[in-house]
Structures are given as C-alpha cells and as structure tokens.
Amino acid sequence: MIQDLVERSKQQGLGLEITHRVKLRLVEEGYNPAYGARPLRRAVMRLIEDKIASKFLQESPEGKANIFIDLDDDGEIEVRLFPIELSQASSETDTEDTSLSSVF
C-alpha cells in the first residue's frame, strides 16, 4: 500500500519518504487478522493520505515538492513539505531520484 502511494506521488511530481517508525505505527493501528487488509487501508488513508492533503491545503506549495513523513516527539505523525526549486526539479527528473537525502 505504501509503495502504491509512493508511485502515485511520483506520477504527480512529488517525492515521498516515509520513515520506518511511521510504517510500524501503521501496522500497530491497521493490523487486524479478523478483517484482513481493510483496517490497514483505512489507517493509511487516515494517518498518511489525509495528513498529506491537509498539509498541502495549509501550505499551498506551488509546483513540485518532496514530502517527508515521520513521528514527532509526541508520537504523532508529522508531514513536512520541501518545495523543489525549478532547477532542482529538472535535474531530479533526469535522474529520477526522489530521495530527500539532499534535504537532510
């Protein structure tokens, strides 16, 4: 499910990085053997997709952006946006590297 989200983000010109801590949180909240993958899908929507959408509505970045998702000090999911400058966006398109290692 996360890989699908990363792929959809790439198609929209967005880089997406989700930390291992967030993935563990998704498993904690979304695992239910009785209901299969449905609770996990809802957890991804609520904890990741909805928070990304809210962040975009708050900050309204123009153009492309890298999205970094991690847990804050209180254990809550935090979404950070890093706008990609036009010159950086064209070089990333050439190499197809959407990692955020250059930001950190």
C-alpha atoms as a PDB file:
ATOM      1  CA  MET A   1       0.000   0.000   0.000  1.00  0.00           C
ATOM      2  CA  ILE A   2       2.849   2.365   0.809  1.00  0.00           C
ATOM      3  CA  GLN A   3       4.594   1.541  -2.470  1.00  0.00           C
ATOM      4  CA  ASP A   4       1.375   2.341  -4.362  1.00  0.00           C
ATOM      5  CA  LEU A   5       1.216   5.691  -2.584  1.00  0.00           C
ATOM      6  CA  VAL A   6       4.854   6.404  -3.463  1.00  0.00           C
ATOM      7  CA  GLU A   7       4.175   5.554  -7.108  1.00  0.00           C
ATOM      8  CA  ARG A   8       1.073   7.775  -7.231  1.00  0.00           C
ATOM      9  CA  SER A   9       3.119  10.576  -5.713  1.00  0.00           C
ATOM     10  CA  LYS A  10       5.853  10.165  -8.334  1.00  0.00           C
ATOM     11  CA  GLN A  11       3.254  10.393 -11.092  1.00  0.00           C
ATOM     12  CA  GLN A  12       2.228  13.771  -9.683  1.00  0.00           C
ATOM     13  CA  GLY A  13       5.821  15.004  -9.490  1.00  0.00           C
ATOM     14  CA  LEU A  14       6.133  14.544  -5.735  1.00  0.00           C
ATOM     15  CA  GLY A  15       8.837  12.768  -3.782  1.00  0.00           C
ATOM     16  CA  LEU A  16       7.570  10.801  -0.800  1.00  0.00           C
ATOM     17  CA  GLU A  17       9.607   9.383   2.048  1.00  0.00           C
ATOM     18  CA  ILE A  18       8.003   7.596   4.978  1.00  0.00           C
ATOM     19  CA  THR A  19      10.161   6.589   7.928  1.00  0.00           C
ATOM     20  CA  HIS A  20      10.266   3.105   9.371  1.00  0.00           C
ATOM     21  CA  ARG A  21       8.740   4.435  12.614  1.00  0.00           C
ATOM     22  CA  VAL A  22       5.649   5.567  10.711  1.00  0.00           C
ATOM     23  CA  LYS A  23       5.368   2.206   8.986  1.00  0.00           C
ATOM     24  CA  LEU A  24       5.453   0.478  12.367  1.00  0.00           C
ATOM     25  CA  ARG A  25       2.721   2.832  13.573  1.00  0.00           C
ATOM     26  CA  LEU A  26       0.591   1.900  10.560  1.00  0.00           C
ATOM     27  CA  VAL A  27       0.992  -1.771  11.378  1.00  0.00           C
ATOM     28  CA  GLU A  28       0.044  -1.164  15.015  1.00  0.00           C
ATOM     29  CA  GLU A  29      -3.103   0.711  14.084  1.00  0.00           C
ATOM     30  CA  GLY A  30      -4.037  -1.207  10.966  1.00  0.00           C
ATOM     31  CA  TYR A  31      -3.411  -4.834  11.858  1.00  0.00           C
ATOM     32  CA  ASN A  32      -6.483  -6.908  12.488  1.00  0.00           C
ATOM     33  CA  PRO A  33      -6.399 -10.563  11.395  1.00  0.00           C
ATOM     34  CA  ALA A  34     -10.181 -10.828  11.502  1.00  0.00           C
ATOM     35  CA  TYR A  35     -10.740  -8.084   8.908  1.00  0.00           C
ATOM     36  CA  GLY A  36      -7.761  -8.557   6.606  1.00  0.00           C
ATOM     37  CA  ALA A  37      -6.302  -5.517   4.838  1.00  0.00           C
ATOM     38  CA  ARG A  38      -9.295  -3.192   5.285  1.00  0.00           C
ATOM     39  CA  PRO A  39      -8.156  -1.707   8.621  1.00  0.00           C
ATOM     40  CA  LEU A  40      -4.646  -1.208   7.231  1.00  0.00           C
ATOM     41  CA  ARG A  41      -6.036   0.610   4.192  1.00  0.00           C
ATOM     42  CA  ARG A  42      -8.094   2.873   6.479  1.00  0.00           C
ATOM     43  CA  ALA A  43      -5.018   3.557   8.629  1.00  0.00           C
ATOM     44  CA  VAL A  44      -3.007   4.554   5.543  1.00  0.00           C
ATOM     45  CA  MET A  45      -5.811   6.857   4.429  1.00  0.00           C
ATOM     46  CA  ARG A  46      -6.316   8.448   7.851  1.00  0.00           C
ATOM     47  CA  LEU A  47      -2.712   8.693   9.025  1.00  0.00           C
ATOM     48  CA  ILE A  48      -0.913   9.368   5.751  1.00  0.00           C
ATOM     49  CA  GLU A  49      -3.125  10.443   2.851  1.00  0.00           C
ATOM     50  CA  ASP A  50      -5.420  12.726   4.861  1.00  0.00           C
ATOM     51  CA  LYS A  51      -2.472  14.374   6.605  1.00  0.00           C
ATOM     52  CA  ILE A  52      -0.685  14.974   3.285  1.00  0.00           C
ATOM     53  CA  ALA A  53      -3.828  16.561   1.846  1.00  0.00           C
ATOM     54  CA  SER A  54      -4.259  18.786   4.916  1.00  0.00           C
ATOM     55  CA  LYS A  55      -0.627  19.886   4.749  1.00  0.00           C
ATOM     56  CA  PHE A  56      -0.983  20.824   1.083  1.00  0.00           C
ATOM     57  CA  LEU A  57      -4.114  22.813   1.857  1.00  0.00           C
ATOM     58  CA  GLN A  58      -2.324  24.656   4.683  1.00  0.00           C
ATOM     59  CA  GLU A  59       0.909  25.445   2.863  1.00  0.00           C
ATOM     60  CA  SER A  60      -0.216  25.501  -0.795  1.00  0.00           C
ATOM     61  CA  PRO A  61       3.212  24.818  -2.342  1.00  0.00           C
ATOM     62  CA  GLU A  62       3.473  25.734  -5.993  1.00  0.00           C
ATOM     63  CA  GLY A  63       4.907  23.126  -8.301  1.00  0.00           C
ATOM     64  CA  LYS A  64       6.696  20.018  -7.155  1.00  0.00           C
ATOM     65  CA  ALA A  65       7.574  19.110  -3.586  1.00  0.00           C
ATOM     66  CA  ASN A  66       9.200  16.402  -1.532  1.00  0.00           C
ATOM     67  CA  ILE A  67       7.087  15.028   1.295  1.00  0.00           C
ATOM     68  CA  PHE A  68       8.728  13.658   4.435  1.00  0.00           C
ATOM     69  CA  ILE A  69       6.593  11.777   6.967  1.00  0.00           C
ATOM     70  CA  ASP A  70       7.861  10.919  10.438  1.00  0.00           C
ATOM     71  CA  LEU A  71       6.697  10.817  14.041  1.00  0.00           C
ATOM     72  CA  ASP A  72       7.062  13.944  16.158  1.00  0.00           C
ATOM     73  CA  ASP A  73       8.227  13.998  19.791  1.00  0.00           C
ATOM     74  CA  ASP A  74       4.708  13.127  20.972  1.00  0.00           C
ATOM     75  CA  GLY A  75       4.461  10.083  18.691  1.00  0.00           C
ATOM     76  CA  GLU A  76       2.054  11.808  16.296  1.00  0.00           C
ATOM     77  CA  ILE A  77       2.520  11.607  12.545  1.00  0.00           C
ATOM     78  CA  GLU A  78       4.106  14.741  11.145  1.00  0.00           C
ATOM     79  CA  VAL A  79       4.141  15.717   7.475  1.00  0.00           C
ATOM     80  CA  ARG A  80       6.770  18.125   6.192  1.00  0.00           C
ATOM     81  CA  LEU A  81       6.874  19.592   2.708  1.00  0.00           C
ATOM     82  CA  PHE A  82      10.026  20.701   0.949  1.00  0.00           C
ATOM     83  CA  PRO A  83       9.313  22.607  -2.261  1.00  0.00           C
ATOM     84  CA  ILE A  84      11.549  21.620  -5.153  1.00  0.00           C
ATOM     85  CA  GLU A  85      13.121  24.557  -6.942  1.00  0.00           C
ATOM     86  CA  LEU A  86      12.718  24.552 -10.697  1.00  0.00           C
ATOM     87  CA  SER A  87      16.417  23.858 -11.366  1.00  0.00           C
ATOM     88  CA  GLN A  88      16.433  21.007  -8.841  1.00  0.00           C
ATOM     89  CA  ALA A  89      13.192  19.583 -10.273  1.00  0.00           C
ATOM     90  CA  SER A  90      14.632  19.343 -13.781  1.00  0.00           C
ATOM     91  CA  SER A  91      17.773  17.572 -12.563  1.00  0.00           C
ATOM     92  CA  GLU A  92      15.678  15.151 -10.477  1.00  0.00           C
ATOM     93  CA  THR A  93      13.534  14.389 -13.499  1.00  0.00           C
ATOM     94  CA  ASP A  94      16.690  13.475 -15.402  1.00  0.00           C
ATOM     95  CA  THR A  95      17.934  11.099 -12.714  1.00  0.00           C
ATOM     96  CA  GLU A  96      14.517  10.032 -11.387  1.00  0.00           C
ATOM     97  CA  ASP A  97      15.872  10.281  -7.816  1.00  0.00           C
ATOM     98  CA  THR A  98      13.164  11.362  -5.406  1.00  0.00           C
ATOM     99  CA  SER A  99      15.057  10.770  -2.179  1.00  0.00           C
ATOM    100  CA  LEU A 100      15.237  13.506   0.391  1.00  0.00           C
ATOM    101  CA  SER A 101      18.808  12.835   1.450  1.00  0.00           C
ATOM    102  CA  SER A 102      19.927  16.140  -0.059  1.00  0.00           C
ATOM    103  CA  VAL A 103      17.439  17.994   2.169  1.00  0.00           C
ATOM    104  CA  PHE A 104      18.735  16.494   5.399  1.00  0.00           C
END
